[in-house]
Amino acid sequence: MEHHALWAAIERLAQDKGLSCSGLAKLSGLDATTFNKSKQFSPDGTPRWPSCNTVAKIMIATHTTPLEFAELIMREL
């Protein structure tokens, strides 16, 4: 899995559901800034990955299966 593909899949999921990334975060019970571009890398440039818990929350909130989410990731590779 590639860092950019996972983050792009989250953005695509939000878009497909008619939401902003902030709206997806709020719908999922997360802080509205969870998916901000500034959170994708630490200050030293190290990639930050969303936790499994975060990914699970957005899949539950959007009724997205693991296979559907994996397909979103695969589209970005």
PDB file of N, CA and C in Angstrom:
ATOM      1  N   MET A   1       0.851  -1.173   0.000  1.00  0.00           N
ATOM      2  CA  MET A   1       0.000   0.000   0.000  1.00  0.00           C
ATOM      3  C   MET A   1       0.894   1.232   0.000  1.00  0.00           C
ATOM      4  N   GLU A   2       0.474   2.223  -0.706  1.00  0.00           N
ATOM      5  CA  GLU A   2       1.227   3.465  -0.773  1.00  0.00           C
ATOM      6  C   GLU A   2       0.502   4.566  -0.016  1.00  0.00           C
ATOM      7  N   HIS A   3       1.284   5.380   0.657  1.00  0.00           N
ATOM      8  CA  HIS A   3       0.763   6.465   1.480  1.00  0.00           C
ATOM      9  C   HIS A   3      -0.205   7.348   0.694  1.00  0.00           C
ATOM     10  N   HIS A   4       0.229   7.827  -0.455  1.00  0.00           N
ATOM     11  CA  HIS A   4      -0.614   8.739  -1.240  1.00  0.00           C
ATOM     12  C   HIS A   4      -1.917   8.072  -1.683  1.00  0.00           C
ATOM     13  N   ALA A   5      -1.871   6.771  -1.962  1.00  0.00           N
ATOM     14  CA  ALA A   5      -3.065   6.066  -2.433  1.00  0.00           C
ATOM     15  C   ALA A   5      -4.110   5.944  -1.327  1.00  0.00           C
ATOM     16  N   LEU A   6      -3.662   5.708  -0.113  1.00  0.00           N
ATOM     17  CA  LEU A   6      -4.602   5.601   1.005  1.00  0.00           C
ATOM     18  C   LEU A   6      -5.280   6.940   1.269  1.00  0.00           C
ATOM     19  N   TRP A   7      -4.490   8.006   1.299  1.00  0.00           N
ATOM     20  CA  TRP A   7      -5.083   9.319   1.540  1.00  0.00           C
ATOM     21  C   TRP A   7      -5.999   9.737   0.387  1.00  0.00           C
ATOM     22  N   ALA A   8      -5.604   9.420  -0.833  1.00  0.00           N
ATOM     23  CA  ALA A   8      -6.453   9.744  -1.990  1.00  0.00           C
ATOM     24  C   ALA A   8      -7.758   8.953  -1.942  1.00  0.00           C
ATOM     25  N   ALA A   9      -7.703   7.716  -1.470  1.00  0.00           N
ATOM     26  CA  ALA A   9      -8.911   6.899  -1.355  1.00  0.00           C
ATOM     27  C   ALA A   9      -9.873   7.503  -0.332  1.00  0.00           C
ATOM     28  N   ILE A  10      -9.339   8.028   0.745  1.00  0.00           N
ATOM     29  CA  ILE A  10     -10.191   8.687   1.753  1.00  0.00           C
ATOM     30  C   ILE A  10     -10.859   9.911   1.127  1.00  0.00           C
ATOM     31  N   GLU A  11     -10.083  10.690   0.401  1.00  0.00           N
ATOM     32  CA  GLU A  11     -10.655  11.864  -0.268  1.00  0.00           C
ATOM     33  C   GLU A  11     -11.715  11.454  -1.288  1.00  0.00           C
ATOM     34  N   ARG A  12     -11.449  10.384  -2.041  1.00  0.00           N
ATOM     35  CA  ARG A  12     -12.398   9.895  -3.046  1.00  0.00           C
ATOM     36  C   ARG A  12     -13.683   9.398  -2.379  1.00  0.00           C
ATOM     37  N   LEU A  13     -13.542   8.690  -1.257  1.00  0.00           N
ATOM     38  CA  LEU A  13     -14.713   8.202  -0.533  1.00  0.00           C
ATOM     39  C   LEU A  13     -15.585   9.376  -0.110  1.00  0.00           C
ATOM     40  N   ALA A  14     -14.968  10.409   0.441  1.00  0.00           N
ATOM     41  CA  ALA A  14     -15.728  11.596   0.841  1.00  0.00           C
ATOM     42  C   ALA A  14     -16.466  12.176  -0.363  1.00  0.00           C
ATOM     43  N   GLN A  15     -15.749  12.339  -1.455  1.00  0.00           N
ATOM     44  CA  GLN A  15     -16.337  12.907  -2.671  1.00  0.00           C
ATOM     45  C   GLN A  15     -17.490  12.047  -3.183  1.00  0.00           C
ATOM     46  N   ASP A  16     -17.279  10.735  -3.213  1.00  0.00           N
ATOM     47  CA  ASP A  16     -18.322   9.826  -3.701  1.00  0.00           C
ATOM     48  C   ASP A  16     -19.584   9.873  -2.851  1.00  0.00           C
ATOM     49  N   LYS A  17     -19.420  10.206  -1.581  1.00  0.00           N
ATOM     50  CA  LYS A  17     -20.572  10.282  -0.669  1.00  0.00           C
ATOM     51  C   LYS A  17     -21.137  11.694  -0.586  1.00  0.00           C
ATOM     52  N   GLY A  18     -20.603  12.606  -1.403  1.00  0.00           N
ATOM     53  CA  GLY A  18     -21.100  13.974  -1.421  1.00  0.00           C
ATOM     54  C   GLY A  18     -20.658  14.790  -0.226  1.00  0.00           C
ATOM     55  N   LEU A  19     -19.495  14.446   0.320  1.00  0.00           N
ATOM     56  CA  LEU A  19     -18.987  15.099   1.522  1.00  0.00           C
ATOM     57  C   LEU A  19     -17.629  15.727   1.260  1.00  0.00           C
ATOM     58  N   SER A  20     -17.304  16.704   2.073  1.00  0.00           N
ATOM     59  CA  SER A  20     -15.925  17.177   2.127  1.00  0.00           C
ATOM     60  C   SER A  20     -15.164  16.221   3.036  1.00  0.00           C
ATOM     61  N   CYS A  21     -13.853  16.325   3.056  1.00  0.00           N
ATOM     62  CA  CYS A  21     -13.083  15.483   3.980  1.00  0.00           C
ATOM     63  C   CYS A  21     -13.444  15.809   5.424  1.00  0.00           C
ATOM     64  N   SER A  22     -13.696  17.079   5.691  1.00  0.00           N
ATOM     65  CA  SER A  22     -14.122  17.497   7.023  1.00  0.00           C
ATOM     66  C   SER A  22     -15.479  16.885   7.364  1.00  0.00           C
ATOM     67  N   GLY A  23     -16.386  16.897   6.405  1.00  0.00           N
ATOM     68  CA  GLY A  23     -17.707  16.300   6.616  1.00  0.00           C
ATOM     69  C   GLY A  23     -17.627  14.809   6.852  1.00  0.00           C
ATOM     70  N   LEU A  24     -16.735  14.134   6.126  1.00  0.00           N
ATOM     71  CA  LEU A  24     -16.531  12.697   6.336  1.00  0.00           C
ATOM     72  C   LEU A  24     -16.019  12.437   7.746  1.00  0.00           C
ATOM     73  N   ALA A  25     -15.074  13.244   8.175  1.00  0.00           N
ATOM     74  CA  ALA A  25     -14.533  13.081   9.532  1.00  0.00           C
ATOM     75  C   ALA A  25     -15.637  13.256  10.571  1.00  0.00           C
ATOM     76  N   LYS A  26     -16.410  14.313  10.446  1.00  0.00           N
ATOM     77  CA  LYS A  26     -17.483  14.561  11.424  1.00  0.00           C
ATOM     78  C   LYS A  26     -18.528  13.457  11.407  1.00  0.00           C
ATOM     79  N   LEU A  27     -18.924  13.003  10.215  1.00  0.00           N
ATOM     80  CA  LEU A  27     -19.891  11.919  10.099  1.00  0.00           C
ATOM     81  C   LEU A  27     -19.388  10.665  10.808  1.00  0.00           C
ATOM     82  N   SER A  28     -18.075  10.476  10.787  1.00  0.00           N
ATOM     83  CA  SER A  28     -17.452   9.285  11.365  1.00  0.00           C
ATOM     84  C   SER A  28     -17.131   9.427  12.850  1.00  0.00           C
ATOM     85  N   GLY A  29     -17.498  10.559  13.439  1.00  0.00           N
ATOM     86  CA  GLY A  29     -17.231  10.774  14.855  1.00  0.00           C
ATOM     87  C   GLY A  29     -15.802  11.193  15.151  1.00  0.00           C
ATOM     88  N   LEU A  30     -15.136  11.731  14.134  1.00  0.00           N
ATOM     89  CA  LEU A  30     -13.746  12.157  14.278  1.00  0.00           C
ATOM     90  C   LEU A  30     -13.680  13.679  14.294  1.00  0.00           C
ATOM     91  N   ASP A  31     -12.542  14.204  14.705  1.00  0.00           N
ATOM     92  CA  ASP A  31     -12.314  15.637  14.663  1.00  0.00           C
ATOM     93  C   ASP A  31     -12.386  16.100  13.205  1.00  0.00           C
ATOM     94  N   ALA A  32     -12.975  17.254  12.987  1.00  0.00           N
ATOM     95  CA  ALA A  32     -13.172  17.760  11.628  1.00  0.00           C
ATOM     96  C   ALA A  32     -11.864  17.947  10.861  1.00  0.00           C
ATOM     97  N   THR A  33     -10.751  18.077  11.570  1.00  0.00           N
ATOM     98  CA  THR A  33      -9.462  18.304  10.899  1.00  0.00           C
ATOM     99  C   THR A  33      -8.674  17.016  10.649  1.00  0.00           C
ATOM    100  N   THR A  34      -9.251  15.882  10.967  1.00  0.00           N
ATOM    101  CA  THR A  34      -8.542  14.595  10.870  1.00  0.00           C
ATOM    102  C   THR A  34      -7.922  14.360   9.505  1.00  0.00           C
ATOM    103  N   PHE A  35      -8.606  14.738   8.446  1.00  0.00           N
ATOM    104  CA  PHE A  35      -8.133  14.436   7.100  1.00  0.00           C
ATOM    105  C   PHE A  35      -7.519  15.636   6.382  1.00  0.00           C
ATOM    106  N   ASN A  36      -7.206  16.690   7.124  1.00  0.00           N
ATOM    107  CA  ASN A  36      -6.550  17.840   6.506  1.00  0.00           C
ATOM    108  C   ASN A  36      -5.223  17.423   5.881  1.00  0.00           C
ATOM    109  N   LYS A  37      -4.897  18.041   4.764  1.00  0.00           N
ATOM    110  CA  LYS A  37      -3.632  17.743   4.084  1.00  0.00           C
ATOM    111  C   LYS A  37      -2.442  17.939   5.018  1.00  0.00           C
ATOM    112  N   SER A  38      -2.530  18.906   5.911  1.00  0.00           N
ATOM    113  CA  SER A  38      -1.421  19.192   6.829  1.00  0.00           C
ATOM    114  C   SER A  38      -1.168  18.056   7.812  1.00  0.00           C
ATOM    115  N   LYS A  39      -2.124  17.160   7.962  1.00  0.00           N
ATOM    116  CA  LYS A  39      -1.968  16.038   8.900  1.00  0.00           C
ATOM    117  C   LYS A  39      -1.408  14.791   8.228  1.00  0.00           C
ATOM    118  N   GLN A  40      -1.157  14.853   6.924  1.00  0.00           N
ATOM    119  CA  GLN A  40      -0.685  13.681   6.207  1.00  0.00           C
ATOM    120  C   GLN A  40       0.825  13.463   6.358  1.00  0.00           C
ATOM    121  N   PHE A  41       1.514  14.501   6.841  1.00  0.00           N
ATOM    122  CA  PHE A  41       2.958  14.405   7.070  1.00  0.00           C
ATOM    123  C   PHE A  41       3.293  15.103   8.380  1.00  0.00           C
ATOM    124  N   SER A  42       4.261  14.571   9.103  1.00  0.00           N
ATOM    125  CA  SER A  42       4.722  15.218  10.330  1.00  0.00           C
ATOM    126  C   SER A  42       5.582  16.427   9.940  1.00  0.00           C
ATOM    127  N   PRO A  43       5.880  17.303  10.889  1.00  0.00           N
ATOM    128  CA  PRO A  43       6.686  18.488  10.564  1.00  0.00           C
ATOM    129  C   PRO A  43       8.037  18.166   9.918  1.00  0.00           C
ATOM    130  N   ASP A  44       8.597  17.006  10.218  1.00  0.00           N
ATOM    131  CA  ASP A  44       9.886  16.651   9.616  1.00  0.00           C
ATOM    132  C   ASP A  44       9.732  15.943   8.265  1.00  0.00           C
ATOM    133  N   GLY A  45       8.499  15.844   7.769  1.00  0.00           N
ATOM    134  CA  GLY A  45       8.248  15.248   6.471  1.00  0.00           C
ATOM    135  C   GLY A  45       7.943  13.764   6.476  1.00  0.00           C
ATOM    136  N   THR A  46       7.942  13.151   7.647  1.00  0.00           N
ATOM    137  CA  THR A  46       7.624  11.729   7.755  1.00  0.00           C
ATOM    138  C   THR A  46       6.142  11.515   7.465  1.00  0.00           C
ATOM    139  N   PRO A  47       5.807  10.566   6.601  1.00  0.00           N
ATOM    140  CA  PRO A  47       4.395  10.315   6.310  1.00  0.00           C
ATOM    141  C   PRO A  47       3.637   9.859   7.556  1.00  0.00           C
ATOM    142  N   ARG A  48       2.452  10.387   7.725  1.00  0.00           N
ATOM    143  CA  ARG A  48       1.541   9.935   8.782  1.00  0.00           C
ATOM    144  C   ARG A  48       0.460   9.102   8.113  1.00  0.00           C
ATOM    145  N   TRP A  49       0.166   7.981   8.732  1.00  0.00           N
ATOM    146  CA  TRP A  49      -0.838   7.062   8.201  1.00  0.00           C
ATOM    147  C   TRP A  49      -2.067   7.097   9.110  1.00  0.00           C
ATOM    148  N   PRO A  50      -3.265   7.097   8.536  1.00  0.00           N
ATOM    149  CA  PRO A  50      -4.453   6.997   9.393  1.00  0.00           C
ATOM    150  C   PRO A  50      -4.466   5.630  10.075  1.00  0.00           C
ATOM    151  N   SER A  51      -4.964   5.602  11.289  1.00  0.00           N
ATOM    152  CA  SER A  51      -5.014   4.339  12.029  1.00  0.00           C
ATOM    153  C   SER A  51      -6.087   3.414  11.459  1.00  0.00           C
ATOM    154  N   CYS A  52      -5.966   2.153  11.794  1.00  0.00           N
ATOM    155  CA  CYS A  52      -6.996   1.178  11.399  1.00  0.00           C
ATOM    156  C   CYS A  52      -8.343   1.584  11.981  1.00  0.00           C
ATOM    157  N   ASN A  53      -8.331   2.113  13.187  1.00  0.00           N
ATOM    158  CA  ASN A  53      -9.561   2.551  13.833  1.00  0.00           C
ATOM    159  C   ASN A  53     -10.215   3.682  13.036  1.00  0.00           C
ATOM    160  N   THR A  54      -9.415   4.613  12.563  1.00  0.00           N
ATOM    161  CA  THR A  54      -9.945   5.716  11.760  1.00  0.00           C
ATOM    162  C   THR A  54     -10.559   5.203  10.463  1.00  0.00           C
ATOM    163  N   VAL A  55      -9.847   4.320   9.795  1.00  0.00           N
ATOM    164  CA  VAL A  55     -10.362   3.754   8.545  1.00  0.00           C
ATOM    165  C   VAL A  55     -11.653   2.966   8.807  1.00  0.00           C
ATOM    166  N   ALA A  56     -11.683   2.217   9.890  1.00  0.00           N
ATOM    167  CA  ALA A  56     -12.888   1.459  10.228  1.00  0.00           C
ATOM    168  C   ALA A  56     -14.065   2.400  10.474  1.00  0.00           C
ATOM    169  N   LYS A  57     -13.821   3.488  11.162  1.00  0.00           N
ATOM    170  CA  LYS A  57     -14.903   4.439  11.450  1.00  0.00           C
ATOM    171  C   LYS A  57     -15.481   5.040  10.173  1.00  0.00           C
ATOM    172  N   ILE A  58     -14.630   5.374   9.211  1.00  0.00           N
ATOM    173  CA  ILE A  58     -15.180   5.971   7.992  1.00  0.00           C
ATOM    174  C   ILE A  58     -15.907   4.932   7.148  1.00  0.00           C
ATOM    175  N   MET A  59     -15.450   3.694   7.187  1.00  0.00           N
ATOM    176  CA  MET A  59     -16.165   2.650   6.445  1.00  0.00           C
ATOM    177  C   MET A  59     -17.524   2.376   7.081  1.00  0.00           C
ATOM    178  N   ILE A  60     -17.581   2.334   8.390  1.00  0.00           N
ATOM    179  CA  ILE A  60     -18.857   2.106   9.081  1.00  0.00           C
ATOM    180  C   ILE A  60     -19.820   3.260   8.801  1.00  0.00           C
ATOM    181  N   ALA A  61     -19.324   4.478   8.930  1.00  0.00           N
ATOM    182  CA  ALA A  61     -20.185   5.658   8.764  1.00  0.00           C
ATOM    183  C   ALA A  61     -20.738   5.782   7.352  1.00  0.00           C
ATOM    184  N   THR A  62     -19.974   5.302   6.363  1.00  0.00           N
ATOM    185  CA  THR A  62     -20.401   5.436   4.965  1.00  0.00           C
ATOM    186  C   THR A  62     -20.946   4.134   4.380  1.00  0.00           C
ATOM    187  N   HIS A  63     -21.041   3.115   5.223  1.00  0.00           N
ATOM    188  CA  HIS A  63     -21.531   1.802   4.779  1.00  0.00           C
ATOM    189  C   HIS A  63     -20.690   1.280   3.609  1.00  0.00           C
ATOM    190  N   THR A  64     -19.374   1.419   3.757  1.00  0.00           N
ATOM    191  CA  THR A  64     -18.422   0.972   2.748  1.00  0.00           C
ATOM    192  C   THR A  64     -17.776  -0.324   3.213  1.00  0.00           C
ATOM    193  N   THR A  65     -17.769  -1.325   2.368  1.00  0.00           N
ATOM    194  CA  THR A  65     -17.145  -2.601   2.737  1.00  0.00           C
ATOM    195  C   THR A  65     -15.628  -2.489   2.596  1.00  0.00           C
ATOM    196  N   PRO A  66     -14.898  -3.373   3.265  1.00  0.00           N
ATOM    197  CA  PRO A  66     -13.447  -3.382   3.081  1.00  0.00           C
ATOM    198  C   PRO A  66     -13.046  -3.553   1.614  1.00  0.00           C
ATOM    199  N   LEU A  67     -13.772  -4.378   0.889  1.00  0.00           N
ATOM    200  CA  LEU A  67     -13.468  -4.572  -0.529  1.00  0.00           C
ATOM    201  C   LEU A  67     -13.675  -3.279  -1.316  1.00  0.00           C
ATOM    202  N   GLU A  68     -14.759  -2.589  -1.044  1.00  0.00           N
ATOM    203  CA  GLU A  68     -15.019  -1.319  -1.731  1.00  0.00           C
ATOM    204  C   GLU A  68     -13.927  -0.300  -1.424  1.00  0.00           C
ATOM    205  N   PHE A  69     -13.500  -0.262  -0.168  1.00  0.00           N
ATOM    206  CA  PHE A  69     -12.442   0.685   0.200  1.00  0.00           C
ATOM    207  C   PHE A  69     -11.124   0.293  -0.471  1.00  0.00           C
ATOM    208  N   ALA A  70     -10.840  -0.993  -0.504  1.00  0.00           N
ATOM    209  CA  ALA A  70      -9.621  -1.465  -1.177  1.00  0.00           C
ATOM    210  C   ALA A  70      -9.653  -1.098  -2.659  1.00  0.00           C
ATOM    211  N   GLU A  71     -10.816  -1.168  -3.273  1.00  0.00           N
ATOM    212  CA  GLU A  71     -10.935  -0.791  -4.683  1.00  0.00           C
ATOM    213  C   GLU A  71     -10.636   0.697  -4.880  1.00  0.00           C
ATOM    214  N   LEU A  72     -11.041   1.527  -3.922  1.00  0.00           N
ATOM    215  CA  LEU A  72     -10.712   2.949  -3.994  1.00  0.00           C
ATOM    216  C   LEU A  72      -9.204   3.150  -3.930  1.00  0.00           C
ATOM    217  N   ILE A  73      -8.549   2.405  -3.063  1.00  0.00           N
ATOM    218  CA  ILE A  73      -7.093   2.503  -2.951  1.00  0.00           C
ATOM    219  C   ILE A  73      -6.436   2.064  -4.253  1.00  0.00           C
ATOM    220  N   MET A  74      -6.905   0.963  -4.792  1.00  0.00           N
ATOM    221  CA  MET A  74      -6.311   0.409  -6.014  1.00  0.00           C
ATOM    222  C   MET A  74      -6.433   1.376  -7.202  1.00  0.00           C
ATOM    223  N   ARG A  75      -7.503   2.156  -7.235  1.00  0.00           N
ATOM    224  CA  ARG A  75      -7.694   3.138  -8.301  1.00  0.00           C
ATOM    225  C   ARG A  75      -6.593   4.198  -8.296  1.00  0.00           C
ATOM    226  N   GLU A  76      -6.004   4.400  -7.116  1.00  0.00           N
ATOM    227  CA  GLU A  76      -5.015   5.465  -6.958  1.00  0.00           C
ATOM    228  C   GLU A  76      -3.587   5.001  -7.207  1.00  0.00           C
ATOM    229  N   LEU A  77      -3.393   3.707  -7.397  1.00  0.00           N
ATOM    230  CA  LEU A  77      -2.034   3.202  -7.605  1.00  0.00           C
ATOM    231  C   LEU A  77      -1.619   3.276  -9.061  1.00  0.00           C
TER     232      LEU A  77
END
